[in-house]
């Protein structure tokens, strides 16, 4: 799960995921959407693949990438569980710290 969130932490990878929601795409089509060197795009695709968020398949001389829905669903389910838990957690103060009773004032 950590690899999934690490992969999603980069804006380029999030854009790639958004592109793949429309269906599989060749690596060249993905790379054409970015103003960066091919090895950099390949590194981002590999990070997504290593995290299980995308799957790669050879299509002749090209590689097509597709979104791995199950990995994305698992990450969403985890976040939804966190928000459910957060709904019952103590309120936070203005600095984001959980409000806990002061010692001796229960």
PDB file of N, CA and C in Angstrom:
ATOM      1  N   UNK A   1       0.826  -1.194   0.000  1.00  0.00           N
ATOM      2  CA  UNK A   1       0.000   0.000   0.000  1.00  0.00           C
ATOM      3  C   UNK A   1       0.870   1.258   0.000  1.00  0.00           C
ATOM      4  N   UNK A   2       2.008   1.222   0.694  1.00  0.00           N
ATOM      5  CA  UNK A   2       2.887   2.392   0.724  1.00  0.00           C
ATOM      6  C   UNK A   2       3.368   2.763  -0.673  1.00  0.00           C
ATOM      7  N   UNK A   3       3.672   1.742  -1.492  1.00  0.00           N
ATOM      8  CA  UNK A   3       4.139   2.004  -2.853  1.00  0.00           C
ATOM      9  C   UNK A   3       3.060   2.709  -3.679  1.00  0.00           C
ATOM     10  N   UNK A   4       1.804   2.359  -3.435  1.00  0.00           N
ATOM     11  CA  UNK A   4       0.699   2.993  -4.162  1.00  0.00           C
ATOM     12  C   UNK A   4       0.660   4.482  -3.858  1.00  0.00           C
ATOM     13  N   UNK A   5       0.697   4.830  -2.579  1.00  0.00           N
ATOM     14  CA  UNK A   5       0.623   6.245  -2.211  1.00  0.00           C
ATOM     15  C   UNK A   5       1.891   7.001  -2.599  1.00  0.00           C
ATOM     16  N   UNK A   6       3.025   6.336  -2.543  1.00  0.00           N
ATOM     17  CA  UNK A   6       4.264   6.967  -2.995  1.00  0.00           C
ATOM     18  C   UNK A   6       4.175   7.262  -4.493  1.00  0.00           C
ATOM     19  N   UNK A   7       3.654   6.299  -5.266  1.00  0.00           N
ATOM     20  CA  UNK A   7       3.513   6.502  -6.710  1.00  0.00           C
ATOM     21  C   UNK A   7       2.543   7.642  -7.007  1.00  0.00           C
ATOM     22  N   UNK A   8       1.483   7.730  -6.245  1.00  0.00           N
ATOM     23  CA  UNK A   8       0.471   8.768  -6.476  1.00  0.00           C
ATOM     24  C   UNK A   8       0.894  10.142  -5.964  1.00  0.00           C
ATOM     25  N   UNK A   9       2.002  10.210  -5.256  1.00  0.00           N
ATOM     26  CA  UNK A   9       2.430  11.484  -4.685  1.00  0.00           C
ATOM     27  C   UNK A   9       2.985  12.448  -5.736  1.00  0.00           C
ATOM     28  N   UNK A  10       3.309  11.946  -6.921  1.00  0.00           N
ATOM     29  CA  UNK A  10       3.889  12.804  -7.956  1.00  0.00           C
ATOM     30  C   UNK A  10       2.807  13.244  -8.946  1.00  0.00           C
ATOM     31  N   UNK A  11       2.736  14.548  -9.257  1.00  0.00           N
ATOM     32  CA  UNK A  11       1.683  15.043 -10.143  1.00  0.00           C
ATOM     33  C   UNK A  11       1.715  14.435 -11.555  1.00  0.00           C
ATOM     34  N   UNK A  12       2.897  14.141 -12.074  1.00  0.00           N
ATOM     35  CA  UNK A  12       2.974  13.522 -13.411  1.00  0.00           C
ATOM     36  C   UNK A  12       2.323  12.150 -13.385  1.00  0.00           C
ATOM     37  N   UNK A  13       2.566  11.400 -12.335  1.00  0.00           N
ATOM     38  CA  UNK A  13       1.966  10.059 -12.239  1.00  0.00           C
ATOM     39  C   UNK A  13       0.453  10.145 -12.093  1.00  0.00           C
ATOM     40  N   UNK A  14      -0.022  11.136 -11.371  1.00  0.00           N
ATOM     41  CA  UNK A  14      -1.475  11.311 -11.261  1.00  0.00           C
ATOM     42  C   UNK A  14      -2.085  11.667 -12.613  1.00  0.00           C
ATOM     43  N   UNK A  15      -1.371  12.464 -13.409  1.00  0.00           N
ATOM     44  CA  UNK A  15      -1.857  12.786 -14.763  1.00  0.00           C
ATOM     45  C   UNK A  15      -1.892  11.538 -15.634  1.00  0.00           C
ATOM     46  N   UNK A  16      -0.888  10.685 -15.511  1.00  0.00           N
ATOM     47  CA  UNK A  16      -0.860   9.444 -16.290  1.00  0.00           C
ATOM     48  C   UNK A  16      -2.048   8.569 -15.905  1.00  0.00           C
ATOM     49  N   UNK A  17      -2.319   8.456 -14.611  1.00  0.00           N
ATOM     50  CA  UNK A  17      -3.473   7.673 -14.145  1.00  0.00           C
ATOM     51  C   UNK A  17      -4.755   8.250 -14.739  1.00  0.00           C
ATOM     52  N   UNK A  18      -4.887   9.556 -14.733  1.00  0.00           N
ATOM     53  CA  UNK A  18      -6.081  10.197 -15.297  1.00  0.00           C
ATOM     54  C   UNK A  18      -6.214   9.880 -16.785  1.00  0.00           C
ATOM     55  N   UNK A  19      -5.108   9.885 -17.508  1.00  0.00           N
ATOM     56  CA  UNK A  19      -5.135   9.565 -18.933  1.00  0.00           C
ATOM     57  C   UNK A  19      -5.593   8.129 -19.165  1.00  0.00           C
ATOM     58  N   UNK A  20      -5.141   7.233 -18.326  1.00  0.00           N
ATOM     59  CA  UNK A  20      -5.444   5.811 -18.507  1.00  0.00           C
ATOM     60  C   UNK A  20      -6.862   5.455 -18.085  1.00  0.00           C
ATOM     61  N   UNK A  21      -7.561   6.359 -17.414  1.00  0.00           N
ATOM     62  CA  UNK A  21      -8.968   6.091 -17.071  1.00  0.00           C
ATOM     63  C   UNK A  21      -9.809   5.953 -18.332  1.00  0.00           C
ATOM     64  N   UNK A  22      -9.375   6.580 -19.423  1.00  0.00           N
ATOM     65  CA  UNK A  22     -10.102   6.503 -20.686  1.00  0.00           C
ATOM     66  C   UNK A  22      -9.809   5.218 -21.453  1.00  0.00           C
ATOM     67  N   UNK A  23      -8.841   4.431 -20.992  1.00  0.00           N
ATOM     68  CA  UNK A  23      -8.500   3.176 -21.645  1.00  0.00           C
ATOM     69  C   UNK A  23      -7.002   3.056 -21.853  1.00  0.00           C
ATOM     70  N   UNK A  24      -6.550   1.879 -22.283  1.00  0.00           N
ATOM     71  CA  UNK A  24      -5.116   1.642 -22.492  1.00  0.00           C
ATOM     72  C   UNK A  24      -4.524   2.605 -23.518  1.00  0.00           C
ATOM     73  N   UNK A  25      -3.246   2.942 -23.315  1.00  0.00           N
ATOM     74  CA  UNK A  25      -2.557   3.847 -24.229  1.00  0.00           C
ATOM     75  C   UNK A  25      -1.125   3.357 -24.446  1.00  0.00           C
ATOM     76  N   UNK A  26      -0.621   3.533 -25.669  1.00  0.00           N
ATOM     77  CA  UNK A  26       0.790   3.213 -25.926  1.00  0.00           C
ATOM     78  C   UNK A  26       1.700   4.185 -25.174  1.00  0.00           C
ATOM     79  N   UNK A  27       2.863   3.700 -24.814  1.00  0.00           N
ATOM     80  CA  UNK A  27       3.801   4.540 -24.061  1.00  0.00           C
ATOM     81  C   UNK A  27       4.147   5.813 -24.822  1.00  0.00           C
ATOM     82  N   UNK A  28       4.237   5.735 -26.139  1.00  0.00           N
ATOM     83  CA  UNK A  28       4.546   6.930 -26.935  1.00  0.00           C
ATOM     84  C   UNK A  28       3.474   7.999 -26.833  1.00  0.00           C
ATOM     85  N   UNK A  29       2.205   7.582 -26.808  1.00  0.00           N
ATOM     86  CA  UNK A  29       1.108   8.548 -26.657  1.00  0.00           C
ATOM     87  C   UNK A  29       1.148   9.209 -25.284  1.00  0.00           C
ATOM     88  N   UNK A  30       1.498   8.419 -24.279  1.00  0.00           N
ATOM     89  CA  UNK A  30       1.604   8.970 -22.921  1.00  0.00           C
ATOM     90  C   UNK A  30       2.753   9.974 -22.869  1.00  0.00           C
ATOM     91  N   UNK A  31       3.908   9.585 -23.385  1.00  0.00           N
ATOM     92  CA  UNK A  31       5.097  10.439 -23.344  1.00  0.00           C
ATOM     93  C   UNK A  31       4.876  11.744 -24.109  1.00  0.00           C
ATOM     94  N   UNK A  32       4.095  11.689 -25.187  1.00  0.00           N
ATOM     95  CA  UNK A  32       3.859  12.884 -26.005  1.00  0.00           C
ATOM     96  C   UNK A  32       3.110  13.971 -25.246  1.00  0.00           C
ATOM     97  N   UNK A  33       2.454  13.622 -24.154  1.00  0.00           N
ATOM     98  CA  UNK A  33       1.682  14.593 -23.378  1.00  0.00           C
ATOM     99  C   UNK A  33       2.548  15.384 -22.392  1.00  0.00           C
ATOM    100  N   UNK A  34       3.833  15.041 -22.300  1.00  0.00           N
ATOM    101  CA  UNK A  34       4.714  15.664 -21.311  1.00  0.00           C
ATOM    102  C   UNK A  34       5.929  16.275 -21.981  1.00  0.00           C
ATOM    103  N   UNK A  35       6.370  17.397 -21.443  1.00  0.00           N
ATOM    104  CA  UNK A  35       7.574  18.062 -21.930  1.00  0.00           C
ATOM    105  C   UNK A  35       8.745  17.625 -21.056  1.00  0.00           C
ATOM    106  N   UNK A  36       9.122  16.342 -21.240  1.00  0.00           N
ATOM    107  CA  UNK A  36      10.248  15.797 -20.479  1.00  0.00           C
ATOM    108  C   UNK A  36      10.889  14.686 -21.289  1.00  0.00           C
ATOM    109  N   UNK A  37      12.075  14.312 -20.911  1.00  0.00           N
ATOM    110  CA  UNK A  37      12.815  13.278 -21.634  1.00  0.00           C
ATOM    111  C   UNK A  37      12.110  11.923 -21.513  1.00  0.00           C
ATOM    112  N   UNK A  38      12.242  11.125 -22.559  1.00  0.00           N
ATOM    113  CA  UNK A  38      11.637   9.794 -22.592  1.00  0.00           C
ATOM    114  C   UNK A  38      12.020   8.954 -21.364  1.00  0.00           C
ATOM    115  N   UNK A  39      13.301   8.917 -20.947  1.00  0.00           N
ATOM    116  CA  UNK A  39      13.645   8.114 -19.762  1.00  0.00           C
ATOM    117  C   UNK A  39      12.931   8.571 -18.494  1.00  0.00           C
ATOM    118  N   UNK A  40      12.620   9.856 -18.391  1.00  0.00           N
ATOM    119  CA  UNK A  40      11.894  10.362 -17.228  1.00  0.00           C
ATOM    120  C   UNK A  40      10.470   9.831 -17.220  1.00  0.00           C
ATOM    121  N   UNK A  41       9.815   9.869 -18.382  1.00  0.00           N
ATOM    122  CA  UNK A  41       8.457   9.339 -18.486  1.00  0.00           C
ATOM    123  C   UNK A  41       8.472   7.840 -18.185  1.00  0.00           C
ATOM    124  N   UNK A  42       9.450   7.135 -18.729  1.00  0.00           N
ATOM    125  CA  UNK A  42       9.575   5.697 -18.477  1.00  0.00           C
ATOM    126  C   UNK A  42       9.731   5.431 -16.986  1.00  0.00           C
ATOM    127  N   UNK A  43      10.490   6.260 -16.296  1.00  0.00           N
ATOM    128  CA  UNK A  43      10.649   6.112 -14.848  1.00  0.00           C
ATOM    129  C   UNK A  43       9.328   6.269 -14.114  1.00  0.00           C
ATOM    130  N   UNK A  44       8.517   7.231 -14.539  1.00  0.00           N
ATOM    131  CA  UNK A  44       7.201   7.414 -13.920  1.00  0.00           C
ATOM    132  C   UNK A  44       6.295   6.214 -14.201  1.00  0.00           C
ATOM    133  N   UNK A  45       6.324   5.722 -15.436  1.00  0.00           N
ATOM    134  CA  UNK A  45       5.514   4.548 -15.778  1.00  0.00           C
ATOM    135  C   UNK A  45       5.956   3.326 -14.976  1.00  0.00           C
ATOM    136  N   UNK A  46       7.261   3.178 -14.798  1.00  0.00           N
ATOM    137  CA  UNK A  46       7.769   2.049 -14.008  1.00  0.00           C
ATOM    138  C   UNK A  46       7.364   2.160 -12.541  1.00  0.00           C
ATOM    139  N   UNK A  47       7.357   3.384 -12.005  1.00  0.00           N
ATOM    140  CA  UNK A  47       6.931   3.574 -10.614  1.00  0.00           C
ATOM    141  C   UNK A  47       5.468   3.172 -10.457  1.00  0.00           C
ATOM    142  N   UNK A  48       4.631   3.546 -11.427  1.00  0.00           N
ATOM    143  CA  UNK A  48       3.211   3.166 -11.387  1.00  0.00           C
ATOM    144  C   UNK A  48       3.048   1.654 -11.537  1.00  0.00           C
ATOM    145  N   UNK A  49       3.864   1.068 -12.401  1.00  0.00           N
ATOM    146  CA  UNK A  49       3.809  -0.379 -12.610  1.00  0.00           C
ATOM    147  C   UNK A  49       4.272  -1.123 -11.356  1.00  0.00           C
ATOM    148  N   UNK A  50       5.367  -0.669 -10.753  1.00  0.00           N
ATOM    149  CA  UNK A  50       5.889  -1.306  -9.534  1.00  0.00           C
ATOM    150  C   UNK A  50       4.888  -1.229  -8.386  1.00  0.00           C
ATOM    151  N   UNK A  51       4.090  -0.165  -8.365  1.00  0.00           N
ATOM    152  CA  UNK A  51       3.080   0.001  -7.319  1.00  0.00           C
ATOM    153  C   UNK A  51       1.819  -0.807  -7.629  1.00  0.00           C
ATOM    154  N   UNK A  52       1.766  -1.393  -8.816  1.00  0.00           N
ATOM    155  CA  UNK A  52       0.602  -2.185  -9.189  1.00  0.00           C
ATOM    156  C   UNK A  52      -0.557  -1.360  -9.719  1.00  0.00           C
ATOM    157  N   UNK A  53      -0.333  -0.073  -9.958  1.00  0.00           N
ATOM    158  CA  UNK A  53      -1.413   0.803 -10.429  1.00  0.00           C
ATOM    159  C   UNK A  53      -1.660   0.680 -11.927  1.00  0.00           C
ATOM    160  N   UNK A  54      -0.635   0.294 -12.676  1.00  0.00           N
ATOM    161  CA  UNK A  54      -0.796   0.076 -14.111  1.00  0.00           C
ATOM    162  C   UNK A  54      -0.181  -1.261 -14.488  1.00  0.00           C
ATOM    163  N   UNK A  55      -0.658  -1.791 -15.593  1.00  0.00           N
ATOM    164  CA  UNK A  55      -0.108  -3.018 -16.156  1.00  0.00           C
ATOM    165  C   UNK A  55       0.406  -2.684 -17.545  1.00  0.00           C
ATOM    166  N   UNK A  56       1.496  -3.320 -17.941  1.00  0.00           N
ATOM    167  CA  UNK A  56       2.091  -3.085 -19.249  1.00  0.00           C
ATOM    168  C   UNK A  56       1.988  -4.357 -20.078  1.00  0.00           C
ATOM    169  N   UNK A  57       1.700  -4.164 -21.368  1.00  0.00           N
ATOM    170  CA  UNK A  57       1.676  -5.309 -22.275  1.00  0.00           C
ATOM    171  C   UNK A  57       2.314  -4.884 -23.595  1.00  0.00           C
ATOM    172  N   UNK A  58       3.091  -5.790 -24.138  1.00  0.00           N
ATOM    173  CA  UNK A  58       3.756  -5.490 -25.403  1.00  0.00           C
ATOM    174  C   UNK A  58       2.733  -5.554 -26.525  1.00  0.00           C
ATOM    175  N   UNK A  59       2.804  -4.553 -27.415  1.00  0.00           N
ATOM    176  CA  UNK A  59       1.931  -4.481 -28.581  1.00  0.00           C
ATOM    177  C   UNK A  59       2.831  -4.206 -29.780  1.00  0.00           C
ATOM    178  N   UNK A  60       3.394  -5.263 -30.342  1.00  0.00           N
ATOM    179  CA  UNK A  60       4.377  -5.099 -31.417  1.00  0.00           C
ATOM    180  C   UNK A  60       5.642  -4.484 -30.857  1.00  0.00           C
ATOM    181  N   UNK A  61       6.044  -3.361 -31.433  1.00  0.00           N
ATOM    182  CA  UNK A  61       7.252  -2.680 -30.971  1.00  0.00           C
ATOM    183  C   UNK A  61       6.967  -1.717 -29.826  1.00  0.00           C
ATOM    184  N   UNK A  62       5.707  -1.543 -29.493  1.00  0.00           N
ATOM    185  CA  UNK A  62       5.298  -0.586 -28.463  1.00  0.00           C
ATOM    186  C   UNK A  62       4.859  -1.322 -27.198  1.00  0.00           C
ATOM    187  N   UNK A  63       4.753  -0.569 -26.129  1.00  0.00           N
ATOM    188  CA  UNK A  63       4.202  -1.092 -24.876  1.00  0.00           C
ATOM    189  C   UNK A  63       2.949  -0.290 -24.578  1.00  0.00           C
ATOM    190  N   UNK A  64       1.856  -0.991 -24.316  1.00  0.00           N
ATOM    191  CA  UNK A  64       0.593  -0.349 -23.955  1.00  0.00           C
ATOM    192  C   UNK A  64       0.416  -0.458 -22.448  1.00  0.00           C
ATOM    193  N   UNK A  65      -0.025   0.636 -21.845  1.00  0.00           N
ATOM    194  CA  UNK A  65      -0.274   0.668 -20.409  1.00  0.00           C
ATOM    195  C   UNK A  65      -1.764   0.770 -20.166  1.00  0.00           C
ATOM    196  N   UNK A  66      -2.222   0.050 -19.158  1.00  0.00           N
ATOM    197  CA  UNK A  66      -3.630   0.107 -18.753  1.00  0.00           C
ATOM    198  C   UNK A  66      -3.699   0.252 -17.251  1.00  0.00           C
ATOM    199  N   UNK A  67      -4.749   0.898 -16.800  1.00  0.00           N
ATOM    200  CA  UNK A  67      -4.981   1.096 -15.375  1.00  0.00           C
ATOM    201  C   UNK A  67      -5.356  -0.225 -14.724  1.00  0.00           C
ATOM    202  N   UNK A  68      -4.758  -0.525 -13.587  1.00  0.00           N
ATOM    203  CA  UNK A  68      -5.112  -1.706 -12.806  1.00  0.00           C
ATOM    204  C   UNK A  68      -6.149  -1.258 -11.779  1.00  0.00           C
ATOM    205  N   UNK A  69      -7.398  -1.482 -12.117  1.00  0.00           N
ATOM    206  CA  UNK A  69      -8.501  -0.986 -11.301  1.00  0.00           C
ATOM    207  C   UNK A  69      -8.454  -1.534  -9.876  1.00  0.00           C
ATOM    208  N   UNK A  70      -8.081  -2.795  -9.697  1.00  0.00           N
ATOM    209  CA  UNK A  70      -8.118  -3.382  -8.349  1.00  0.00           C
ATOM    210  C   UNK A  70      -7.166  -2.664  -7.394  1.00  0.00           C
ATOM    211  N   UNK A  71      -5.990  -2.269  -7.861  1.00  0.00           N
ATOM    212  CA  UNK A  71      -5.051  -1.547  -6.988  1.00  0.00           C
ATOM    213  C   UNK A  71      -5.596  -0.166  -6.643  1.00  0.00           C
ATOM    214  N   UNK A  72      -6.195   0.489  -7.620  1.00  0.00           N
ATOM    215  CA  UNK A  72      -6.782   1.808  -7.365  1.00  0.00           C
ATOM    216  C   UNK A  72      -7.948   1.696  -6.392  1.00  0.00           C
ATOM    217  N   UNK A  73      -8.780   0.667  -6.570  1.00  0.00           N
ATOM    218  CA  UNK A  73      -9.917   0.467  -5.663  1.00  0.00           C
ATOM    219  C   UNK A  73      -9.450   0.199  -4.239  1.00  0.00           C
ATOM    220  N   UNK A  74      -8.373  -0.553  -4.099  1.00  0.00           N
ATOM    221  CA  UNK A  74      -7.839  -0.845  -2.770  1.00  0.00           C
ATOM    222  C   UNK A  74      -7.389   0.442  -2.079  1.00  0.00           C
ATOM    223  N   UNK A  75      -6.729   1.321  -2.823  1.00  0.00           N
ATOM    224  CA  UNK A  75      -6.276   2.594  -2.250  1.00  0.00           C
ATOM    225  C   UNK A  75      -7.467   3.463  -1.857  1.00  0.00           C
ATOM    226  N   UNK A  76      -8.488   3.503  -2.705  1.00  0.00           N
ATOM    227  CA  UNK A  76      -9.685   4.293  -2.400  1.00  0.00           C
ATOM    228  C   UNK A  76     -10.392   3.735  -1.167  1.00  0.00           C
ATOM    229  N   UNK A  77     -10.497   2.411  -1.085  1.00  0.00           N
ATOM    230  CA  UNK A  77     -11.143   1.781   0.074  1.00  0.00           C
ATOM    231  C   UNK A  77     -10.397   2.138   1.358  1.00  0.00           C
ATOM    232  N   UNK A  78      -9.075   2.132   1.296  1.00  0.00           N
ATOM    233  CA  UNK A  78      -8.275   2.492   2.460  1.00  0.00           C
ATOM    234  C   UNK A  78      -8.570   3.930   2.882  1.00  0.00           C
ATOM    235  N   UNK A  79      -8.606   4.846   1.916  1.00  0.00           N
ATOM    236  CA  UNK A  79      -8.884   6.247   2.232  1.00  0.00           C
ATOM    237  C   UNK A  79     -10.294   6.430   2.780  1.00  0.00           C
ATOM    238  N   UNK A  80     -11.242   5.685   2.233  1.00  0.00           N
ATOM    239  CA  UNK A  80     -12.615   5.783   2.736  1.00  0.00           C
ATOM    240  C   UNK A  80     -12.698   5.279   4.177  1.00  0.00           C
ATOM    241  N   UNK A  81     -11.960   4.216   4.482  1.00  0.00           N
ATOM    242  CA  UNK A  81     -11.932   3.718   5.856  1.00  0.00           C
ATOM    243  C   UNK A  81     -11.344   4.770   6.791  1.00  0.00           C
ATOM    244  N   UNK A  82     -10.325   5.488   6.313  1.00  0.00           N
ATOM    245  CA  UNK A  82      -9.725   6.540   7.135  1.00  0.00           C
ATOM    246  C   UNK A  82     -10.736   7.649   7.416  1.00  0.00           C
ATOM    247  N   UNK A  83     -11.514   8.010   6.408  1.00  0.00           N
ATOM    248  CA  UNK A  83     -12.476   9.093   6.612  1.00  0.00           C
ATOM    249  C   UNK A  83     -13.597   8.651   7.543  1.00  0.00           C
ATOM    250  N   UNK A  84     -13.969   7.382   7.493  1.00  0.00           N
ATOM    251  CA  UNK A  84     -14.968   6.875   8.442  1.00  0.00           C
ATOM    252  C   UNK A  84     -14.422   6.931   9.854  1.00  0.00           C
ATOM    253  N   UNK A  85     -13.159   6.526  10.010  1.00  0.00           N
ATOM    254  CA  UNK A  85     -12.529   6.561  11.322  1.00  0.00           C
ATOM    255  C   UNK A  85     -12.381   8.003  11.785  1.00  0.00           C
ATOM    256  N   UNK A  86     -12.086   8.897  10.842  1.00  0.00           N
ATOM    257  CA  UNK A  86     -11.928  10.311  11.181  1.00  0.00           C
ATOM    258  C   UNK A  86     -13.225  10.940  11.636  1.00  0.00           C
ATOM    259  N   UNK A  87     -14.348  10.418  11.173  1.00  0.00           N
ATOM    260  CA  UNK A  87     -15.644  10.971  11.556  1.00  0.00           C
ATOM    261  C   UNK A  87     -15.930  10.741  13.033  1.00  0.00           C
ATOM    262  N   UNK A  88     -15.326   9.719  13.618  1.00  0.00           N
ATOM    263  CA  UNK A  88     -15.560   9.433  15.032  1.00  0.00           C
ATOM    264  C   UNK A  88     -14.372   9.840  15.905  1.00  0.00           C
ATOM    265  N   UNK A  89     -13.331  10.351  15.275  1.00  0.00           N
ATOM    266  CA  UNK A  89     -12.150  10.759  16.037  1.00  0.00           C
ATOM    267  C   UNK A  89     -12.412  12.102  16.716  1.00  0.00           C
ATOM    268  N   UNK A  90     -11.636  12.420  17.765  1.00  0.00           N
ATOM    269  CA  UNK A  90     -11.801  13.711  18.432  1.00  0.00           C
ATOM    270  C   UNK A  90     -11.545  14.853  17.458  1.00  0.00           C
ATOM    271  N   UNK A  91     -12.215  15.960  17.658  1.00  0.00           N
ATOM    272  CA  UNK A  91     -12.036  17.131  16.803  1.00  0.00           C
ATOM    273  C   UNK A  91     -10.607  17.641  16.930  1.00  0.00           C
ATOM    274  N   UNK A  92     -10.127  18.274  15.878  1.00  0.00           N
ATOM    275  CA  UNK A  92      -8.775  18.813  15.886  1.00  0.00           C
ATOM    276  C   UNK A  92      -8.827  20.291  16.207  1.00  0.00           C
ATOM    277  N   UNK A  93      -7.748  20.790  16.816  1.00  0.00           N
ATOM    278  CA  UNK A  93      -7.673  22.219  17.064  1.00  0.00           C
ATOM    279  C   UNK A  93      -7.282  22.932  15.774  1.00  0.00           C
ATOM    280  N   UNK A  94      -7.079  24.217  15.807  1.00  0.00           N
ATOM    281  CA  UNK A  94      -6.797  24.985  14.595  1.00  0.00           C
ATOM    282  C   UNK A  94      -5.454  24.640  13.974  1.00  0.00           C
ATOM    283  N   UNK A  95      -4.577  23.992  14.711  1.00  0.00           N
ATOM    284  CA  UNK A  95      -3.279  23.601  14.168  1.00  0.00           C
ATOM    285  C   UNK A  95      -3.276  22.153  13.706  1.00  0.00           C
ATOM    286  N   UNK A  96      -4.417  21.477  13.720  1.00  0.00           N
ATOM    287  CA  UNK A  96      -4.513  20.123  13.222  1.00  0.00           C
ATOM    288  C   UNK A  96      -4.218  19.044  14.249  1.00  0.00           C
ATOM    289  N   UNK A  97      -4.050  19.426  15.522  1.00  0.00           N
ATOM    290  CA  UNK A  97      -3.785  18.449  16.569  1.00  0.00           C
ATOM    291  C   UNK A  97      -5.103  17.983  17.168  1.00  0.00           C
ATOM    292  N   UNK A  98      -5.187  16.699  17.456  1.00  0.00           N
ATOM    293  CA  UNK A  98      -6.410  16.179  18.066  1.00  0.00           C
ATOM    294  C   UNK A  98      -6.588  16.807  19.441  1.00  0.00           C
ATOM    295  N   UNK A  99      -7.801  17.226  19.741  1.00  0.00           N
ATOM    296  CA  UNK A  99      -8.093  17.781  21.060  1.00  0.00           C
ATOM    297  C   UNK A  99      -8.252  16.640  22.047  1.00  0.00           C
ATOM    298  N   UNK A 100      -7.399  16.597  22.996  1.00  0.00           N
ATOM    299  CA  UNK A 100      -7.463  15.578  24.045  1.00  0.00           C
ATOM    300  C   UNK A 100      -7.613  16.297  25.369  1.00  0.00           C
ATOM    301  N   UNK A 101      -8.263  15.659  26.317  1.00  0.00           N
ATOM    302  CA  UNK A 101      -8.403  16.328  27.612  1.00  0.00           C
ATOM    303  C   UNK A 101      -7.028  16.567  28.234  1.00  0.00           C
ATOM    304  N   UNK A 102      -6.920  17.688  28.929  1.00  0.00           N
ATOM    305  CA  UNK A 102      -5.663  17.965  29.635  1.00  0.00           C
ATOM    306  C   UNK A 102      -5.490  16.959  30.744  1.00  0.00           C
ATOM    307  N   UNK A 103      -4.254  16.619  31.044  1.00  0.00           N
ATOM    308  CA  UNK A 103      -4.006  15.650  32.128  1.00  0.00           C
ATOM    309  C   UNK A 103      -4.683  16.122  33.418  1.00  0.00           C
ATOM    310  N   UNK A 104      -5.403  15.212  34.061  1.00  0.00           N
ATOM    311  CA  UNK A 104      -6.073  15.497  35.322  1.00  0.00           C
ATOM    312  C   UNK A 104      -7.411  16.187  35.155  1.00  0.00           C
ATOM    313  N   UNK A 105      -7.864  16.442  33.897  1.00  0.00           N
ATOM    314  CA  UNK A 105      -9.148  17.116  33.676  1.00  0.00           C
ATOM    315  C   UNK A 105     -10.059  16.235  32.807  1.00  0.00           C
ATOM    316  N   UNK A 106     -10.278  15.022  33.227  1.00  0.00           N
ATOM    317  CA  UNK A 106     -11.143  14.111  32.465  1.00  0.00           C
ATOM    318  C   UNK A 106     -12.556  14.404  32.746  1.00  0.00           C
TER     319      UNK A 106
END
